[in-house]
Amino acid sequence: MPFPDSFSYRSQILSKRDRFSFSTISYLSKKITDSFRKLEEYKNSRMPLIYVSFRSEVDTHQLIRERLNSGLEVAVPKTDVTNRRLETYLLKDWGKGLRPGAYGILEPDVKVAPLIPPSQIDMVVVPGSVFDRQCGRYGYGGGYFDRFLSIEAPQALRIGLAFSLQVVQEIPLKTHDQRMDIIVTENEILRCNRQANS
């Protein structure tokens, strides 16, 4: 095993991802989101929750804007730091509906975007630091998406977007670490039976 624990995995992989240039992130993100758009699961999704990308994450801004411009519904997360949970809001306007929130990440403006129950979410597009080929995932250490997926939106299909350098053969998961159903990179689409792997 190249790295002994989740912290080591995250720090090693994220340091590599953070060295990507803006143009590299843009180019690879376009390849990833082009593949994502072709998924039947995404085409059939009525209310996806899509993370608003930050720094060196796979860029989701254009994906969200496209849904808004097409009149399709899209939810975005807001981090409730006090209660250590995610809230879900229906985004209606990119320019007026977002503002910098926790950790500097763009989040829904609660004065403009309506709160919706997690039970309405049928797909969650998830960021992460490290993924493996069994669709395991490490986040950034806060556990927000893990708790949301396991407790508040267990019905939702989980799709991770990642650069290929973020995918390793296997990571040691703890009981709270949530697996994805699908992982999309610039090179491939991984599909997993997460119940069987749990």
N, C-alpha and C. Protein backbone atom coordinates (compact mmCIF):
# COMPACT_ATOMS: atom_id res chain seq x y z
N MET A 1 0.85 -1.19 0.00
CA MET A 1 0.00 0.00 0.00
C MET A 1 0.89 1.25 0.00
N PRO A 2 0.75 2.14 -0.96
CA PRO A 2 1.68 3.25 -1.07
C PRO A 2 1.56 4.28 0.05
N PHE A 3 0.34 4.50 0.56
CA PHE A 3 0.14 5.46 1.63
C PHE A 3 -0.63 4.78 2.76
N PRO A 4 -0.27 5.04 4.01
CA PRO A 4 -0.83 4.26 5.11
C PRO A 4 -2.22 4.64 5.57
N ASP A 5 -2.67 5.86 5.31
CA ASP A 5 -3.97 6.27 5.86
C ASP A 5 -4.63 7.31 4.97
N SER A 6 -5.86 7.68 5.34
CA SER A 6 -6.62 8.60 4.50
C SER A 6 -5.96 9.97 4.41
N PHE A 7 -5.36 10.43 5.50
CA PHE A 7 -4.70 11.74 5.47
C PHE A 7 -3.55 11.74 4.48
N SER A 8 -2.76 10.67 4.50
CA SER A 8 -1.62 10.58 3.58
C SER A 8 -2.09 10.51 2.13
N TYR A 9 -3.13 9.72 1.89
CA TYR A 9 -3.69 9.64 0.53
C TYR A 9 -4.12 11.03 0.06
N ARG A 10 -4.91 11.69 0.89
CA ARG A 10 -5.45 13.00 0.50
C ARG A 10 -4.33 14.00 0.22
N SER A 11 -3.38 14.09 1.13
CA SER A 11 -2.33 15.10 0.97
C SER A 11 -1.48 14.82 -0.27
N GLN A 12 -1.16 13.55 -0.53
CA GLN A 12 -0.35 13.20 -1.69
C GLN A 12 -1.09 13.52 -3.00
N ILE A 13 -2.33 13.07 -3.09
CA ILE A 13 -3.10 13.25 -4.33
C ILE A 13 -3.45 14.72 -4.55
N LEU A 14 -3.89 15.39 -3.50
CA LEU A 14 -4.29 16.79 -3.66
C LEU A 14 -3.11 17.68 -4.02
N SER A 15 -1.92 17.37 -3.51
CA SER A 15 -0.76 18.18 -3.88
C SER A 15 -0.48 18.05 -5.37
N LYS A 16 -0.72 16.86 -5.93
CA LYS A 16 -0.55 16.68 -7.38
C LYS A 16 -1.64 17.43 -8.14
N ARG A 17 -2.89 17.31 -7.67
CA ARG A 17 -3.99 17.97 -8.36
C ARG A 17 -3.83 19.49 -8.33
N ASP A 18 -3.35 20.00 -7.20
CA ASP A 18 -3.20 21.45 -7.06
C ASP A 18 -2.11 22.01 -7.97
N ARG A 19 -1.26 21.15 -8.51
CA ARG A 19 -0.22 21.62 -9.42
C ARG A 19 -0.72 21.73 -10.87
N PHE A 20 -1.95 21.29 -11.12
CA PHE A 20 -2.53 21.46 -12.45
C PHE A 20 -2.65 22.95 -12.77
N SER A 21 -2.37 23.29 -14.00
CA SER A 21 -2.60 24.67 -14.46
C SER A 21 -4.10 24.87 -14.69
N PHE A 22 -4.49 26.13 -14.77
CA PHE A 22 -5.88 26.45 -15.05
C PHE A 22 -6.33 25.85 -16.37
N SER A 23 -5.45 25.93 -17.37
CA SER A 23 -5.80 25.40 -18.69
C SER A 23 -5.95 23.88 -18.65
N THR A 24 -5.13 23.20 -17.86
CA THR A 24 -5.24 21.75 -17.73
C THR A 24 -6.55 21.37 -17.05
N ILE A 25 -6.88 22.09 -15.99
CA ILE A 25 -8.15 21.83 -15.29
C ILE A 25 -9.32 22.03 -16.25
N SER A 26 -9.28 23.10 -17.02
CA SER A 26 -10.37 23.39 -17.96
C SER A 26 -10.49 22.31 -19.02
N TYR A 27 -9.35 21.92 -19.58
CA TYR A 27 -9.35 20.92 -20.65
C TYR A 27 -9.85 19.56 -20.15
N LEU A 28 -9.30 19.10 -19.03
CA LEU A 28 -9.70 17.79 -18.50
C LEU A 28 -11.13 17.82 -17.98
N SER A 29 -11.52 18.93 -17.37
CA SER A 29 -12.90 19.04 -16.87
C SER A 29 -13.91 18.95 -18.00
N LYS A 30 -13.58 19.54 -19.12
CA LYS A 30 -14.49 19.46 -20.28
C LYS A 30 -14.64 18.02 -20.75
N LYS A 31 -13.54 17.27 -20.80
CA LYS A 31 -13.62 15.86 -21.19
C LYS A 31 -14.48 15.07 -20.21
N ILE A 32 -14.30 15.35 -18.93
CA ILE A 32 -15.05 14.63 -17.89
C ILE A 32 -16.53 14.97 -17.96
N THR A 33 -16.86 16.25 -18.05
CA THR A 33 -18.27 16.63 -18.07
C THR A 33 -18.95 16.25 -19.38
N ASP A 34 -18.19 16.20 -20.48
CA ASP A 34 -18.76 15.71 -21.74
C ASP A 34 -19.19 14.25 -21.59
N SER A 35 -18.35 13.44 -20.94
CA SER A 35 -18.70 12.03 -20.70
C SER A 35 -19.87 11.92 -19.73
N PHE A 36 -19.87 12.76 -18.72
CA PHE A 36 -20.94 12.75 -17.72
C PHE A 36 -22.29 13.06 -18.36
N ARG A 37 -22.32 14.06 -19.24
CA ARG A 37 -23.57 14.44 -19.89
C ARG A 37 -24.19 13.30 -20.69
N LYS A 38 -23.37 12.39 -21.17
CA LYS A 38 -23.86 11.28 -22.00
C LYS A 38 -24.45 10.13 -21.18
N LEU A 39 -24.26 10.15 -19.88
CA LEU A 39 -24.81 9.09 -19.04
C LEU A 39 -26.33 9.12 -19.08
N GLU A 40 -26.92 7.95 -19.30
CA GLU A 40 -28.39 7.88 -19.28
C GLU A 40 -28.94 8.30 -17.92
N GLU A 41 -28.20 7.96 -16.88
CA GLU A 41 -28.64 8.31 -15.53
C GLU A 41 -28.76 9.83 -15.38
N TYR A 42 -27.81 10.55 -15.98
CA TYR A 42 -27.88 12.01 -15.88
C TYR A 42 -29.00 12.55 -16.76
N LYS A 43 -29.13 12.00 -17.97
CA LYS A 43 -30.20 12.45 -18.85
C LYS A 43 -31.58 12.27 -18.21
N ASN A 44 -31.71 11.24 -17.39
CA ASN A 44 -32.99 10.93 -16.76
C ASN A 44 -33.18 11.60 -15.40
N SER A 45 -32.15 12.26 -14.90
CA SER A 45 -32.24 12.87 -13.57
C SER A 45 -33.11 14.12 -13.62
N ARG A 46 -34.03 14.20 -12.68
CA ARG A 46 -34.93 15.35 -12.62
C ARG A 46 -34.42 16.40 -11.64
N MET A 47 -33.75 15.96 -10.57
CA MET A 47 -33.27 16.91 -9.57
C MET A 47 -31.89 16.49 -9.07
N PRO A 48 -30.85 16.76 -9.88
CA PRO A 48 -29.51 16.45 -9.40
C PRO A 48 -29.00 17.53 -8.44
N LEU A 49 -28.23 17.09 -7.47
CA LEU A 49 -27.48 18.00 -6.62
C LEU A 49 -26.05 18.00 -7.16
N ILE A 50 -25.57 19.14 -7.60
CA ILE A 50 -24.25 19.23 -8.20
C ILE A 50 -23.38 20.17 -7.37
N TYR A 51 -22.23 19.70 -6.95
CA TYR A 51 -21.33 20.55 -6.18
C TYR A 51 -20.84 21.71 -7.04
N VAL A 52 -20.64 22.85 -6.41
CA VAL A 52 -20.09 24.02 -7.11
C VAL A 52 -18.57 23.95 -6.94
N SER A 53 -17.87 23.70 -8.03
CA SER A 53 -16.43 23.42 -7.95
C SER A 53 -15.64 24.60 -7.40
N PHE A 54 -14.51 24.24 -6.80
CA PHE A 54 -13.66 25.20 -6.09
C PHE A 54 -12.20 24.83 -6.33
N ARG A 55 -11.40 25.81 -6.64
CA ARG A 55 -9.97 25.62 -6.85
C ARG A 55 -9.69 24.54 -7.89
N SER A 56 -8.97 23.47 -7.50
CA SER A 56 -8.51 22.50 -8.50
C SER A 56 -9.48 21.33 -8.70
N GLU A 57 -10.71 21.43 -8.20
CA GLU A 57 -11.69 20.36 -8.42
C GLU A 57 -12.11 20.32 -9.89
N VAL A 58 -12.65 19.19 -10.31
CA VAL A 58 -13.26 19.12 -11.65
C VAL A 58 -14.32 20.21 -11.73
N ASP A 59 -14.21 21.04 -12.76
CA ASP A 59 -15.05 22.23 -12.89
C ASP A 59 -16.48 21.85 -13.26
N THR A 60 -17.43 22.30 -12.42
CA THR A 60 -18.85 22.02 -12.67
C THR A 60 -19.65 23.26 -13.02
N HIS A 61 -18.99 24.42 -13.09
CA HIS A 61 -19.74 25.66 -13.29
C HIS A 61 -20.53 25.65 -14.60
N GLN A 62 -19.90 25.21 -15.69
CA GLN A 62 -20.59 25.20 -16.97
C GLN A 62 -21.75 24.21 -16.97
N LEU A 63 -21.55 23.09 -16.31
CA LEU A 63 -22.59 22.06 -16.21
C LEU A 63 -23.84 22.63 -15.54
N ILE A 64 -23.64 23.34 -14.44
CA ILE A 64 -24.76 23.95 -13.71
C ILE A 64 -25.42 25.03 -14.55
N ARG A 65 -24.60 25.87 -15.18
CA ARG A 65 -25.15 26.94 -16.01
C ARG A 65 -25.99 26.39 -17.16
N GLU A 66 -25.54 25.28 -17.74
CA GLU A 66 -26.29 24.67 -18.85
C GLU A 66 -27.67 24.24 -18.41
N ARG A 67 -27.76 23.65 -17.23
CA ARG A 67 -29.08 23.23 -16.74
C ARG A 67 -29.98 24.45 -16.54
N LEU A 68 -29.43 25.49 -15.96
CA LEU A 68 -30.22 26.70 -15.75
C LEU A 68 -30.68 27.30 -17.07
N ASN A 69 -29.77 27.35 -18.03
CA ASN A 69 -30.11 27.93 -19.34
C ASN A 69 -31.12 27.10 -20.11
N SER A 70 -31.16 25.80 -19.81
CA SER A 70 -32.10 24.90 -20.48
C SER A 70 -33.43 24.78 -19.75
N GLY A 71 -33.54 25.48 -18.63
CA GLY A 71 -34.78 25.42 -17.86
C GLY A 71 -34.92 24.15 -17.05
N LEU A 72 -33.82 23.44 -16.83
CA LEU A 72 -33.84 22.22 -16.04
C LEU A 72 -33.50 22.54 -14.59
N GLU A 73 -34.10 21.79 -13.69
CA GLU A 73 -33.86 22.05 -12.28
C GLU A 73 -32.50 21.51 -11.85
N VAL A 74 -31.87 22.24 -10.93
CA VAL A 74 -30.59 21.81 -10.37
C VAL A 74 -30.49 22.34 -8.94
N ALA A 75 -30.04 21.47 -8.06
CA ALA A 75 -29.83 21.86 -6.67
C ALA A 75 -28.33 21.98 -6.41
N VAL A 76 -27.98 22.85 -5.48
CA VAL A 76 -26.59 23.00 -5.08
C VAL A 76 -26.51 22.96 -3.55
N PRO A 77 -25.37 22.51 -3.02
CA PRO A 77 -25.27 22.36 -1.56
C PRO A 77 -24.80 23.63 -0.85
N LYS A 78 -25.22 23.75 0.38
CA LYS A 78 -24.73 24.79 1.29
C LYS A 78 -24.22 24.10 2.55
N THR A 79 -23.05 24.48 2.99
CA THR A 79 -22.44 23.86 4.16
C THR A 79 -22.92 24.54 5.43
N ASP A 80 -23.58 23.77 6.29
CA ASP A 80 -23.98 24.24 7.62
C ASP A 80 -22.87 23.81 8.57
N VAL A 81 -21.92 24.71 8.78
CA VAL A 81 -20.73 24.36 9.57
C VAL A 81 -21.10 24.07 11.02
N THR A 82 -22.04 24.82 11.57
CA THR A 82 -22.41 24.65 12.97
C THR A 82 -22.93 23.24 13.25
N ASN A 83 -23.81 22.76 12.37
CA ASN A 83 -24.40 21.43 12.55
C ASN A 83 -23.69 20.35 11.75
N ARG A 84 -22.63 20.72 11.04
CA ARG A 84 -21.80 19.80 10.27
C ARG A 84 -22.64 18.96 9.29
N ARG A 85 -23.45 19.66 8.51
CA ARG A 85 -24.29 18.98 7.55
C ARG A 85 -24.42 19.83 6.28
N LEU A 86 -24.92 19.20 5.22
CA LEU A 86 -25.21 19.92 3.98
C LEU A 86 -26.69 20.22 3.90
N GLU A 87 -27.01 21.39 3.39
CA GLU A 87 -28.39 21.75 3.07
C GLU A 87 -28.49 21.84 1.55
N THR A 88 -29.68 21.60 1.02
CA THR A 88 -29.86 21.60 -0.43
C THR A 88 -30.83 22.71 -0.84
N TYR A 89 -30.39 23.47 -1.84
CA TYR A 89 -31.18 24.60 -2.33
C TYR A 89 -31.35 24.50 -3.83
N LEU A 90 -32.51 24.92 -4.30
CA LEU A 90 -32.80 24.95 -5.73
C LEU A 90 -32.21 26.24 -6.30
N LEU A 91 -31.27 26.10 -7.21
CA LEU A 91 -30.65 27.27 -7.82
C LEU A 91 -31.46 27.70 -9.03
N LYS A 92 -31.76 28.98 -9.09
CA LYS A 92 -32.56 29.48 -10.21
C LYS A 92 -31.81 30.49 -11.07
N ASP A 93 -30.75 31.08 -10.51
CA ASP A 93 -30.01 32.11 -11.23
C ASP A 93 -28.55 32.05 -10.80
N TRP A 94 -27.64 31.79 -11.76
CA TRP A 94 -26.23 31.68 -11.42
C TRP A 94 -25.69 33.00 -10.86
N GLY A 95 -26.03 34.09 -11.51
CA GLY A 95 -25.48 35.38 -11.12
C GLY A 95 -26.01 35.91 -9.80
N LYS A 96 -27.29 35.69 -9.53
CA LYS A 96 -27.90 36.24 -8.33
C LYS A 96 -28.10 35.21 -7.22
N GLY A 97 -27.98 33.92 -7.57
CA GLY A 97 -28.33 32.90 -6.59
C GLY A 97 -27.18 32.35 -5.78
N LEU A 98 -25.93 32.79 -6.08
CA LEU A 98 -24.76 32.25 -5.38
C LEU A 98 -23.97 33.37 -4.72
N ARG A 99 -23.31 33.01 -3.64
CA ARG A 99 -22.41 33.94 -2.96
C ARG A 99 -21.34 33.13 -2.23
N PRO A 100 -20.16 33.71 -1.96
CA PRO A 100 -19.13 32.96 -1.24
C PRO A 100 -19.63 32.56 0.14
N GLY A 101 -19.41 31.29 0.48
CA GLY A 101 -19.86 30.78 1.77
C GLY A 101 -18.72 30.16 2.55
N ALA A 102 -19.01 29.06 3.21
CA ALA A 102 -18.01 28.38 4.02
C ALA A 102 -16.81 28.00 3.17
N TYR A 103 -15.63 28.26 3.70
CA TYR A 103 -14.36 27.91 3.04
C TYR A 103 -14.14 28.68 1.74
N GLY A 104 -14.94 29.72 1.49
CA GLY A 104 -14.79 30.51 0.27
C GLY A 104 -15.47 29.90 -0.95
N ILE A 105 -16.17 28.79 -0.77
CA ILE A 105 -16.84 28.11 -1.88
C ILE A 105 -18.16 28.83 -2.19
N LEU A 106 -18.47 28.95 -3.48
CA LEU A 106 -19.76 29.54 -3.86
C LEU A 106 -20.89 28.65 -3.35
N GLU A 107 -21.85 29.27 -2.67
CA GLU A 107 -22.99 28.56 -2.10
C GLU A 107 -24.27 29.32 -2.41
N PRO A 108 -25.42 28.64 -2.32
CA PRO A 108 -26.68 29.34 -2.59
C PRO A 108 -26.93 30.47 -1.59
N ASP A 109 -27.43 31.56 -2.12
CA ASP A 109 -27.86 32.68 -1.27
C ASP A 109 -29.26 32.34 -0.75
N VAL A 110 -29.38 32.15 0.55
CA VAL A 110 -30.65 31.69 1.12
C VAL A 110 -31.77 32.71 0.96
N LYS A 111 -31.42 33.96 0.64
CA LYS A 111 -32.45 34.97 0.42
C LYS A 111 -33.08 34.83 -0.96
N VAL A 112 -32.40 34.12 -1.84
CA VAL A 112 -32.86 34.00 -3.23
C VAL A 112 -33.25 32.57 -3.58
N ALA A 113 -32.43 31.60 -3.15
CA ALA A 113 -32.65 30.20 -3.52
C ALA A 113 -33.51 29.50 -2.47
N PRO A 114 -34.56 28.79 -2.90
CA PRO A 114 -35.41 28.08 -1.94
C PRO A 114 -34.78 26.78 -1.44
N LEU A 115 -34.95 26.54 -0.15
CA LEU A 115 -34.50 25.29 0.46
C LEU A 115 -35.41 24.16 -0.01
N ILE A 116 -34.82 23.02 -0.37
CA ILE A 116 -35.62 21.86 -0.76
C ILE A 116 -35.22 20.66 0.08
N PRO A 117 -36.14 19.72 0.31
CA PRO A 117 -35.79 18.54 1.12
C PRO A 117 -34.88 17.59 0.36
N PRO A 118 -33.93 16.97 1.04
CA PRO A 118 -33.03 16.02 0.39
C PRO A 118 -33.75 14.86 -0.28
N SER A 119 -34.96 14.57 0.17
CA SER A 119 -35.72 13.46 -0.42
C SER A 119 -36.07 13.72 -1.88
N GLN A 120 -36.00 14.98 -2.33
CA GLN A 120 -36.28 15.30 -3.73
C GLN A 120 -35.09 15.05 -4.65
N ILE A 121 -33.91 14.88 -4.06
CA ILE A 121 -32.69 14.71 -4.84
C ILE A 121 -32.61 13.28 -5.37
N ASP A 122 -32.45 13.12 -6.69
CA ASP A 122 -32.34 11.76 -7.24
C ASP A 122 -30.92 11.41 -7.68
N MET A 123 -30.02 12.42 -7.69
CA MET A 123 -28.63 12.19 -8.06
C MET A 123 -27.76 13.20 -7.31
N VAL A 124 -26.63 12.73 -6.80
CA VAL A 124 -25.68 13.63 -6.15
C VAL A 124 -24.35 13.54 -6.89
N VAL A 125 -23.92 14.66 -7.44
CA VAL A 125 -22.62 14.73 -8.11
C VAL A 125 -21.62 15.22 -7.06
N VAL A 126 -20.65 14.34 -6.76
CA VAL A 126 -19.84 14.48 -5.57
C VAL A 126 -18.39 14.81 -5.91
N PRO A 127 -17.79 15.77 -5.20
CA PRO A 127 -16.36 15.99 -5.34
C PRO A 127 -15.62 15.03 -4.41
N GLY A 128 -14.32 14.99 -4.52
CA GLY A 128 -13.55 14.16 -3.61
C GLY A 128 -12.07 14.40 -3.78
N SER A 129 -11.31 13.85 -2.86
CA SER A 129 -9.85 13.97 -2.95
C SER A 129 -9.24 12.74 -3.60
N VAL A 130 -9.71 11.55 -3.19
CA VAL A 130 -9.18 10.30 -3.71
C VAL A 130 -10.34 9.33 -3.93
N PHE A 131 -10.27 8.57 -5.02
CA PHE A 131 -11.26 7.52 -5.30
C PHE A 131 -10.49 6.23 -5.59
N ASP A 132 -11.20 5.09 -5.50
CA ASP A 132 -10.54 3.86 -5.94
C ASP A 132 -11.42 3.13 -6.96
N ARG A 133 -10.90 2.03 -7.47
CA ARG A 133 -11.54 1.35 -8.58
C ARG A 133 -12.75 0.52 -8.15
N GLN A 134 -13.01 0.47 -6.85
CA GLN A 134 -14.24 -0.13 -6.33
C GLN A 134 -15.25 0.96 -5.96
N CYS A 135 -14.97 2.18 -6.43
CA CYS A 135 -15.82 3.35 -6.20
C CYS A 135 -15.81 3.85 -4.77
N GLY A 136 -14.74 3.50 -4.03
CA GLY A 136 -14.54 4.10 -2.73
C GLY A 136 -14.15 5.56 -2.89
N ARG A 137 -14.37 6.34 -1.85
CA ARG A 137 -14.10 7.78 -1.93
C ARG A 137 -13.61 8.31 -0.60
N TYR A 138 -12.65 9.21 -0.69
CA TYR A 138 -12.28 10.08 0.41
C TYR A 138 -12.68 11.49 0.04
N GLY A 139 -13.26 12.22 0.99
CA GLY A 139 -13.56 13.62 0.78
C GLY A 139 -12.39 14.48 1.22
N TYR A 140 -12.72 15.52 1.98
CA TYR A 140 -11.67 16.44 2.44
C TYR A 140 -11.51 16.41 3.95
N GLY A 141 -12.17 15.47 4.59
CA GLY A 141 -11.98 15.29 6.03
C GLY A 141 -13.12 15.76 6.90
N GLY A 142 -14.07 16.50 6.32
CA GLY A 142 -15.18 17.02 7.13
C GLY A 142 -16.36 16.07 7.26
N GLY A 143 -16.48 15.13 6.32
CA GLY A 143 -17.57 14.15 6.37
C GLY A 143 -18.92 14.67 5.93
N TYR A 144 -18.98 15.86 5.35
CA TYR A 144 -20.28 16.45 5.00
C TYR A 144 -21.04 15.60 3.98
N PHE A 145 -20.37 15.24 2.88
CA PHE A 145 -21.06 14.45 1.87
C PHE A 145 -21.34 13.03 2.36
N ASP A 146 -20.44 12.46 3.14
CA ASP A 146 -20.69 11.11 3.68
C ASP A 146 -21.96 11.09 4.52
N ARG A 147 -22.11 12.05 5.40
CA ARG A 147 -23.32 12.10 6.24
C ARG A 147 -24.55 12.37 5.40
N PHE A 148 -24.43 13.27 4.44
CA PHE A 148 -25.58 13.59 3.60
C PHE A 148 -26.05 12.37 2.82
N LEU A 149 -25.11 11.65 2.22
CA LEU A 149 -25.47 10.48 1.41
C LEU A 149 -26.04 9.35 2.25
N SER A 150 -25.47 9.12 3.41
CA SER A 150 -25.90 7.96 4.21
C SER A 150 -27.18 8.23 5.00
N ILE A 151 -27.38 9.48 5.43
CA ILE A 151 -28.49 9.78 6.33
C ILE A 151 -29.62 10.53 5.63
N GLU A 152 -29.28 11.54 4.83
CA GLU A 152 -30.31 12.43 4.31
C GLU A 152 -30.76 12.12 2.88
N ALA A 153 -29.90 11.55 2.08
CA ALA A 153 -30.29 11.25 0.69
C ALA A 153 -29.81 9.86 0.26
N PRO A 154 -30.17 8.83 1.03
CA PRO A 154 -29.72 7.48 0.67
C PRO A 154 -30.33 6.98 -0.64
N GLN A 155 -31.42 7.62 -1.08
CA GLN A 155 -32.10 7.21 -2.32
C GLN A 155 -31.37 7.68 -3.57
N ALA A 156 -30.47 8.63 -3.42
CA ALA A 156 -29.86 9.28 -4.58
C ALA A 156 -28.72 8.46 -5.16
N LEU A 157 -28.63 8.46 -6.48
CA LEU A 157 -27.49 7.87 -7.17
C LEU A 157 -26.28 8.77 -6.91
N ARG A 158 -25.12 8.13 -6.63
CA ARG A 158 -23.92 8.93 -6.33
C ARG A 158 -22.95 8.83 -7.49
N ILE A 159 -22.52 9.98 -7.99
CA ILE A 159 -21.56 10.02 -9.09
C ILE A 159 -20.40 10.93 -8.70
N GLY A 160 -19.20 10.37 -8.72
CA GLY A 160 -18.02 11.15 -8.43
C GLY A 160 -17.37 11.63 -9.72
N LEU A 161 -16.96 12.88 -9.75
CA LEU A 161 -16.19 13.42 -10.86
C LEU A 161 -14.75 13.58 -10.39
N ALA A 162 -13.81 13.04 -11.16
CA ALA A 162 -12.41 13.06 -10.72
C ALA A 162 -11.46 13.06 -11.90
N PHE A 163 -10.30 13.63 -11.69
CA PHE A 163 -9.22 13.47 -12.65
C PHE A 163 -8.62 12.08 -12.44
N SER A 164 -8.08 11.50 -13.50
CA SER A 164 -7.59 10.13 -13.40
C SER A 164 -6.50 9.97 -12.35
N LEU A 165 -5.71 11.01 -12.09
CA LEU A 165 -4.66 10.90 -11.07
C LEU A 165 -5.23 10.74 -9.67
N GLN A 166 -6.53 11.02 -9.50
CA GLN A 166 -7.18 10.86 -8.20
C GLN A 166 -7.68 9.45 -7.95
N VAL A 167 -7.61 8.59 -8.96
CA VAL A 167 -8.13 7.23 -8.83
C VAL A 167 -6.97 6.25 -8.64
N VAL A 168 -6.99 5.55 -7.51
CA VAL A 168 -5.97 4.55 -7.21
C VAL A 168 -6.64 3.17 -7.18
N GLN A 169 -5.84 2.14 -7.05
CA GLN A 169 -6.39 0.78 -7.09
C GLN A 169 -7.34 0.52 -5.93
N GLU A 170 -6.91 0.86 -4.74
CA GLU A 170 -7.77 0.59 -3.58
C GLU A 170 -7.36 1.50 -2.43
N ILE A 171 -8.37 2.02 -1.71
CA ILE A 171 -8.11 2.80 -0.50
C ILE A 171 -8.79 2.11 0.68
N PRO A 172 -8.19 2.16 1.86
CA PRO A 172 -8.82 1.57 3.04
C PRO A 172 -9.95 2.44 3.55
N LEU A 173 -11.17 1.96 3.43
CA LEU A 173 -12.34 2.74 3.84
C LEU A 173 -12.72 2.45 5.28
N LYS A 174 -13.24 3.47 5.94
CA LYS A 174 -13.83 3.29 7.27
C LYS A 174 -15.34 3.17 7.09
N THR A 175 -16.02 2.81 8.16
CA THR A 175 -17.46 2.51 8.05
C THR A 175 -18.26 3.72 7.56
N HIS A 176 -17.82 4.93 7.86
CA HIS A 176 -18.58 6.12 7.46
C HIS A 176 -18.28 6.56 6.02
N ASP A 177 -17.22 6.04 5.43
CA ASP A 177 -16.85 6.45 4.06
C ASP A 177 -17.85 5.86 3.06
N GLN A 178 -18.49 6.72 2.28
CA GLN A 178 -19.53 6.29 1.35
C GLN A 178 -18.94 5.99 -0.03
N ARG A 179 -19.38 4.88 -0.62
CA ARG A 179 -18.98 4.53 -1.97
C ARG A 179 -19.87 5.24 -2.99
N MET A 180 -19.33 5.40 -4.18
CA MET A 180 -20.07 5.96 -5.30
C MET A 180 -20.71 4.83 -6.11
N ASP A 181 -21.67 5.17 -6.95
CA ASP A 181 -22.21 4.22 -7.92
C ASP A 181 -21.42 4.29 -9.22
N ILE A 182 -20.98 5.51 -9.56
CA ILE A 182 -20.26 5.75 -10.81
C ILE A 182 -19.16 6.77 -10.55
N ILE A 183 -18.02 6.58 -11.17
CA ILE A 183 -16.96 7.60 -11.15
C ILE A 183 -16.61 7.92 -12.60
N VAL A 184 -16.57 9.20 -12.93
CA VAL A 184 -16.24 9.63 -14.29
C VAL A 184 -14.91 10.38 -14.25
N THR A 185 -13.94 9.92 -15.05
CA THR A 185 -12.68 10.64 -15.22
C THR A 185 -12.54 11.01 -16.70
N GLU A 186 -11.43 11.65 -17.04
CA GLU A 186 -11.20 12.01 -18.44
C GLU A 186 -10.90 10.79 -19.30
N ASN A 187 -10.58 9.67 -18.66
CA ASN A 187 -10.19 8.47 -19.41
C ASN A 187 -11.20 7.34 -19.38
N GLU A 188 -12.10 7.32 -18.40
CA GLU A 188 -12.98 6.16 -18.25
C GLU A 188 -14.18 6.48 -17.38
N ILE A 189 -15.12 5.54 -17.41
CA ILE A 189 -16.28 5.59 -16.53
C ILE A 189 -16.28 4.29 -15.73
N LEU A 190 -16.18 4.40 -14.41
CA LEU A 190 -16.21 3.23 -13.54
C LEU A 190 -17.62 3.07 -12.99
N ARG A 191 -18.17 1.88 -13.11
CA ARG A 191 -19.48 1.58 -12.54
C ARG A 191 -19.32 0.51 -11.48
N CYS A 192 -19.96 0.69 -10.36
CA CYS A 192 -19.79 -0.24 -9.25
C CYS A 192 -21.13 -0.61 -8.63
N ASN A 193 -21.18 -1.80 -8.08
CA ASN A 193 -22.31 -2.20 -7.25
C ASN A 193 -21.90 -1.91 -5.82
N ARG A 194 -22.23 -0.72 -5.33
CA ARG A 194 -21.71 -0.32 -4.03
C ARG A 194 -22.26 -1.14 -2.88
N GLN A 195 -23.49 -1.67 -3.02
CA GLN A 195 -24.01 -2.52 -1.96
C GLN A 195 -23.19 -3.79 -1.82
N ALA A 196 -22.78 -4.35 -2.95
CA ALA A 196 -21.98 -5.57 -2.91
C ALA A 196 -20.59 -5.32 -2.34
N ASN A 197 -20.08 -4.10 -2.57
CA ASN A 197 -18.73 -3.78 -2.09
C ASN A 197 -18.71 -3.28 -0.66
N SER A 198 -19.88 -2.96 -0.12
CA SER A 198 -19.91 -2.39 1.23
C SER A 198 -19.58 -3.42 2.29
